């Protein structure tokens, strides 16, 4: 489902920009995002029962680090 979600995100964003080639480095580890458009990261989550799990929480914490450090 993850690949479907990323494909759907690309469609919703009108094919704008692309998946970054590498990760953003944070103090909590690398953060890979699904798509960057005009300097804004976009993330797709897809599935039947998408829930906030520990891995998603860690992604959110990394996003906060990136926001706070510019």
N, C-alpha and C. Protein backbone atom coordinates (compact mmCIF):
# COMPACT_ATOMS: atom_id res chain seq x y z
N UNK A 1 0.82 -1.20 0.00
CA UNK A 1 0.00 0.00 0.00
C UNK A 1 0.86 1.27 0.00
N UNK A 2 2.08 1.17 0.54
CA UNK A 2 2.93 2.36 0.62
C UNK A 2 3.24 2.93 -0.75
N UNK A 3 3.55 2.05 -1.69
CA UNK A 3 3.86 2.52 -3.04
C UNK A 3 2.63 3.17 -3.67
N UNK A 4 1.44 2.58 -3.44
CA UNK A 4 0.20 3.16 -3.95
C UNK A 4 0.00 4.55 -3.35
N UNK A 5 0.24 4.69 -2.05
CA UNK A 5 0.08 5.98 -1.39
C UNK A 5 1.00 7.04 -1.97
N UNK A 6 2.25 6.67 -2.25
CA UNK A 6 3.19 7.62 -2.84
C UNK A 6 2.78 8.00 -4.25
N UNK A 7 2.27 7.02 -5.02
CA UNK A 7 1.80 7.30 -6.38
C UNK A 7 0.59 8.23 -6.33
N UNK A 8 -0.30 7.98 -5.41
CA UNK A 8 -1.49 8.83 -5.25
C UNK A 8 -1.09 10.24 -4.83
N UNK A 9 -0.12 10.36 -3.93
CA UNK A 9 0.36 11.67 -3.51
C UNK A 9 0.92 12.44 -4.71
N UNK A 10 1.67 11.75 -5.55
CA UNK A 10 2.22 12.38 -6.75
C UNK A 10 1.09 12.91 -7.64
N UNK A 11 0.02 12.13 -7.77
CA UNK A 11 -1.13 12.56 -8.59
C UNK A 11 -1.80 13.78 -7.97
N UNK A 12 -2.01 13.75 -6.65
CA UNK A 12 -2.67 14.86 -5.96
C UNK A 12 -1.86 16.15 -6.10
N UNK A 13 -0.54 16.01 -6.07
CA UNK A 13 0.33 17.19 -6.20
C UNK A 13 0.58 17.56 -7.65
N UNK A 14 -0.11 16.90 -8.57
CA UNK A 14 0.01 17.24 -9.99
C UNK A 14 1.38 16.92 -10.57
N UNK A 15 2.07 15.94 -9.98
CA UNK A 15 3.38 15.55 -10.49
C UNK A 15 4.47 16.55 -10.18
N UNK A 16 4.17 17.52 -9.32
CA UNK A 16 5.14 18.57 -9.01
C UNK A 16 6.36 17.99 -8.31
N UNK A 17 7.53 18.50 -8.71
CA UNK A 17 8.81 18.12 -8.12
C UNK A 17 8.96 16.60 -8.04
N UNK A 18 9.74 16.11 -7.09
CA UNK A 18 10.00 14.67 -7.06
C UNK A 18 10.42 14.22 -5.66
N UNK A 19 10.63 12.91 -5.56
CA UNK A 19 11.12 12.35 -4.30
C UNK A 19 12.57 12.76 -4.14
N UNK A 20 12.94 13.32 -2.98
CA UNK A 20 14.34 13.70 -2.77
C UNK A 20 15.28 12.51 -2.91
N UNK A 21 16.45 12.75 -3.44
CA UNK A 21 17.43 11.68 -3.68
C UNK A 21 17.98 11.12 -2.37
N UNK A 22 18.02 11.93 -1.34
CA UNK A 22 18.59 11.48 -0.08
C UNK A 22 17.75 11.91 1.10
N UNK A 23 18.30 11.65 2.27
CA UNK A 23 17.60 11.96 3.51
C UNK A 23 18.00 13.32 4.04
N UNK A 24 17.14 13.86 4.89
CA UNK A 24 17.47 15.05 5.66
C UNK A 24 18.06 14.55 6.97
N UNK A 25 19.19 15.09 7.37
CA UNK A 25 19.85 14.64 8.59
C UNK A 25 19.31 15.42 9.78
N UNK A 26 18.93 14.71 10.83
CA UNK A 26 18.47 15.34 12.07
C UNK A 26 19.25 14.74 13.24
N UNK A 27 19.10 15.35 14.39
CA UNK A 27 19.75 14.82 15.59
C UNK A 27 19.14 13.49 16.02
N UNK A 28 17.98 13.15 15.46
CA UNK A 28 17.30 11.90 15.78
C UNK A 28 17.52 10.83 14.72
N UNK A 29 18.31 11.16 13.71
CA UNK A 29 18.54 10.23 12.61
C UNK A 29 18.05 10.81 11.29
N UNK A 30 18.24 10.07 10.23
CA UNK A 30 17.84 10.53 8.90
C UNK A 30 16.33 10.53 8.74
N UNK A 31 15.84 11.53 8.00
CA UNK A 31 14.40 11.61 7.71
C UNK A 31 14.22 11.59 6.20
N UNK A 32 13.58 10.54 5.71
CA UNK A 32 13.26 10.41 4.30
C UNK A 32 11.82 10.87 4.10
N UNK A 33 11.59 11.74 3.13
CA UNK A 33 10.23 12.20 2.85
C UNK A 33 9.81 11.68 1.48
N UNK A 34 8.50 11.63 1.27
CA UNK A 34 7.97 11.09 0.02
C UNK A 34 8.07 12.06 -1.14
N UNK A 35 7.94 13.35 -0.87
CA UNK A 35 7.90 14.33 -1.95
C UNK A 35 8.24 15.71 -1.40
N UNK A 36 8.96 16.50 -2.18
CA UNK A 36 9.24 17.89 -1.83
C UNK A 36 8.66 18.77 -2.92
N UNK A 37 7.87 19.76 -2.52
CA UNK A 37 7.29 20.72 -3.46
C UNK A 37 7.49 22.11 -2.88
N UNK A 38 8.25 22.93 -3.58
CA UNK A 38 8.51 24.31 -3.14
C UNK A 38 9.03 24.38 -1.71
N UNK A 39 9.93 23.46 -1.37
CA UNK A 39 10.53 23.46 -0.04
C UNK A 39 9.66 22.89 1.06
N UNK A 40 8.51 22.32 0.69
CA UNK A 40 7.61 21.72 1.68
C UNK A 40 7.61 20.21 1.49
N UNK A 41 7.86 19.48 2.58
CA UNK A 41 7.86 18.02 2.53
C UNK A 41 6.44 17.49 2.63
N UNK A 42 6.16 16.47 1.85
CA UNK A 42 4.86 15.81 1.88
C UNK A 42 5.08 14.33 2.16
N UNK A 43 4.21 13.75 2.96
CA UNK A 43 4.31 12.36 3.37
C UNK A 43 3.00 11.65 3.09
N UNK A 44 3.07 10.45 2.54
CA UNK A 44 1.87 9.65 2.28
C UNK A 44 1.82 8.49 3.25
N UNK A 45 0.67 8.24 3.81
CA UNK A 45 0.42 7.05 4.61
C UNK A 45 -0.83 6.40 4.03
N UNK A 46 -0.75 5.12 3.71
CA UNK A 46 -1.88 4.45 3.07
C UNK A 46 -2.04 3.05 3.65
N UNK A 47 -3.26 2.59 3.64
CA UNK A 47 -3.55 1.24 4.11
C UNK A 47 -4.95 1.17 4.65
N UNK A 48 -5.33 0.00 5.09
CA UNK A 48 -6.67 -0.21 5.62
C UNK A 48 -6.80 0.39 7.01
N UNK A 49 -5.82 0.14 7.86
CA UNK A 49 -5.85 0.63 9.23
C UNK A 49 -4.58 1.41 9.54
N UNK A 50 -4.42 2.57 8.94
CA UNK A 50 -3.24 3.38 9.21
C UNK A 50 -3.40 3.98 10.60
N UNK A 51 -2.43 3.69 11.46
CA UNK A 51 -2.48 4.17 12.84
C UNK A 51 -1.19 4.91 13.16
N UNK A 52 -1.24 5.71 14.20
CA UNK A 52 -0.04 6.39 14.68
C UNK A 52 0.76 5.39 15.50
N UNK A 53 1.80 4.86 14.89
CA UNK A 53 2.65 3.88 15.56
C UNK A 53 3.98 4.54 15.92
N UNK A 54 4.81 3.82 16.63
CA UNK A 54 6.09 4.38 17.10
C UNK A 54 6.92 4.93 15.95
N UNK A 55 6.95 4.24 14.82
CA UNK A 55 7.72 4.72 13.68
C UNK A 55 7.21 6.04 13.14
N UNK A 56 5.90 6.20 13.13
CA UNK A 56 5.31 7.46 12.67
C UNK A 56 5.62 8.58 13.66
N UNK A 57 5.54 8.27 14.94
CA UNK A 57 5.87 9.26 15.97
C UNK A 57 7.31 9.76 15.80
N UNK A 58 8.22 8.82 15.51
CA UNK A 58 9.62 9.21 15.33
C UNK A 58 9.77 10.10 14.10
N UNK A 59 9.03 9.80 13.02
CA UNK A 59 9.07 10.66 11.84
C UNK A 59 8.59 12.07 12.20
N UNK A 60 7.54 12.15 12.98
CA UNK A 60 6.99 13.45 13.38
C UNK A 60 8.01 14.22 14.23
N UNK A 61 8.69 13.52 15.13
CA UNK A 61 9.71 14.17 15.95
C UNK A 61 10.84 14.69 15.08
N UNK A 62 11.25 13.93 14.07
CA UNK A 62 12.28 14.38 13.15
C UNK A 62 11.79 15.60 12.37
N UNK A 63 10.52 15.59 11.98
CA UNK A 63 9.95 16.74 11.28
C UNK A 63 10.01 18.00 12.16
N UNK A 64 9.73 17.84 13.45
CA UNK A 64 9.81 18.98 14.36
C UNK A 64 11.23 19.50 14.46
N UNK A 65 12.20 18.60 14.52
CA UNK A 65 13.60 19.02 14.55
C UNK A 65 13.92 19.84 13.29
N UNK A 66 13.49 19.33 12.13
CA UNK A 66 13.75 20.04 10.88
C UNK A 66 13.08 21.41 10.85
N UNK A 67 11.85 21.49 11.34
CA UNK A 67 11.15 22.78 11.39
C UNK A 67 11.86 23.77 12.32
N UNK A 68 12.30 23.28 13.46
CA UNK A 68 12.93 24.14 14.45
C UNK A 68 14.34 24.58 14.07
N UNK A 69 14.98 23.85 13.17
CA UNK A 69 16.35 24.19 12.78
C UNK A 69 16.40 24.84 11.39
N UNK A 70 15.25 24.99 10.78
CA UNK A 70 15.20 25.66 9.48
C UNK A 70 15.66 24.78 8.36
